[in-house]
Amino acid sequence: MLKSELEDIVGEEFKLEKGISKKVVDVIVYSLINAMRTNDRIEIRGFGSFFPKTYKAYQGRNPKSGEAITVPEKVLPIFRPSKDLISKLNKNKD
């Protein structure tokens, strides 16, 4: 699903103009991003949780040249689905 498709669904569900539904989705997305920037965990009941995980810097190798390089510390978003979401995705699977 694309962000624009989500905007359309929100607009249809709540009978909002396209510009307003776009702003609603933007506020939600930016709120999630800002929460993870401040190292907060985001939990959406029945869906899952998002949290930032910091990976320390390490020595790696350039696969093309074999040269040693330092990979800098980085923060990546992690998603853990809820048990409810997993069971809904696997319902009717035989």
Protein backbone atom coordinates (compact mmCIF):
# COMPACT_ATOMS: atom_id res chain seq x y z
CA MET A 1 0.00 0.00 0.00
CA LEU A 2 1.26 3.43 -0.89
CA LYS A 3 0.94 6.50 1.31
CA SER A 4 -1.43 8.04 -1.25
CA GLU A 5 -3.66 4.95 -1.06
CA LEU A 6 -3.79 5.27 2.73
CA GLU A 7 -4.73 8.95 2.31
CA ASP A 8 -7.57 7.91 -0.01
CA ILE A 9 -8.86 5.32 2.48
CA VAL A 10 -8.79 7.83 5.36
CA GLY A 11 -10.57 10.40 3.18
CA GLU A 12 -13.28 7.93 2.14
CA GLU A 13 -13.78 6.54 5.66
CA PHE A 14 -14.18 9.94 7.31
CA LYS A 15 -15.56 11.80 4.27
CA LEU A 16 -12.64 14.25 4.21
CA GLU A 17 -11.28 16.33 1.38
CA LYS A 18 -8.08 15.00 -0.21
CA GLY A 19 -5.94 17.78 1.32
CA ILE A 20 -7.23 17.15 4.83
CA SER A 21 -6.79 13.36 4.64
CA LYS A 22 -3.24 13.95 3.37
CA LYS A 23 -2.51 16.16 6.39
CA VAL A 24 -3.97 13.56 8.78
CA VAL A 25 -1.70 10.83 7.40
CA ASP A 26 1.30 13.21 7.40
CA VAL A 27 0.73 14.06 11.07
CA ILE A 28 0.59 10.36 11.98
CA VAL A 29 3.75 9.52 10.02
CA TYR A 30 5.73 12.48 11.36
CA SER A 31 4.56 11.71 14.91
CA LEU A 32 5.89 8.15 14.58
CA ILE A 33 9.21 9.40 13.18
CA ASN A 34 9.61 11.99 15.95
CA ALA A 35 8.80 9.43 18.63
CA MET A 36 11.53 7.11 17.35
CA ARG A 37 13.98 10.03 17.10
CA THR A 38 13.53 10.58 20.83
CA ASN A 39 14.05 6.84 21.46
CA ASP A 40 10.39 6.20 22.31
CA ARG A 41 8.67 2.90 21.67
CA ILE A 42 5.46 3.04 19.60
CA GLU A 43 2.83 0.44 20.36
CA ILE A 44 -0.32 0.04 18.29
CA ARG A 45 -2.52 -2.58 19.97
CA GLY A 46 -3.52 -5.36 17.62
CA PHE A 47 -0.89 -4.34 15.06
CA GLY A 48 2.56 -4.27 16.60
CA SER A 49 5.30 -2.09 18.00
CA PHE A 50 8.07 0.01 16.51
CA PHE A 51 11.24 0.94 18.32
CA PRO A 52 14.64 2.32 17.39
CA LYS A 53 17.66 0.06 17.83
CA THR A 54 21.18 1.46 17.90
CA TYR A 55 23.93 -0.55 16.26
CA LYS A 56 27.50 0.25 17.27
CA ALA A 57 30.20 1.13 14.77
CA TYR A 58 32.28 -1.78 13.51
CA GLN A 59 35.08 -2.67 11.14
CA GLY A 60 33.83 -4.06 7.85
CA ARG A 61 35.21 -4.79 4.42
CA ASN A 62 34.39 -3.35 1.05
CA PRO A 63 33.22 -6.45 -0.83
CA LYS A 64 34.52 -5.16 -4.16
CA SER A 65 38.05 -4.16 -3.13
CA GLY A 66 38.47 -6.05 0.15
CA GLU A 67 39.59 -2.79 1.79
CA ALA A 68 38.87 -2.43 5.52
CA ILE A 69 36.32 0.29 6.29
CA THR A 70 34.69 1.62 9.44
CA VAL A 71 30.91 1.34 9.37
CA PRO A 72 29.54 4.18 11.52
CA GLU A 73 27.05 3.75 14.37
CA LYS A 74 23.48 3.79 13.13
CA VAL A 75 19.92 3.67 14.39
CA LEU A 76 17.42 1.46 12.58
CA PRO A 77 13.65 1.13 13.14
CA ILE A 78 12.55 -2.33 14.27
CA PHE A 79 8.98 -3.64 13.91
CA ARG A 80 7.57 -6.47 15.97
CA PRO A 81 4.11 -7.65 14.93
CA SER A 82 1.53 -8.39 17.62
CA LYS A 83 0.25 -11.92 18.17
CA ASP A 84 -3.16 -10.66 17.03
CA LEU A 85 -1.75 -9.44 13.69
CA ILE A 86 0.13 -12.69 13.15
CA SER A 87 -2.99 -14.76 13.82
CA LYS A 88 -5.07 -12.58 11.46
CA LEU A 89 -2.47 -12.94 8.70
CA ASN A 90 -2.37 -16.72 9.13
CA LYS A 91 -6.14 -17.20 9.43
CA ASN A 92 -7.57 -19.39 6.64
CA LYS A 93 -4.09 -20.63 5.70
CA ASP A 94 -4.06 -24.35 5.02
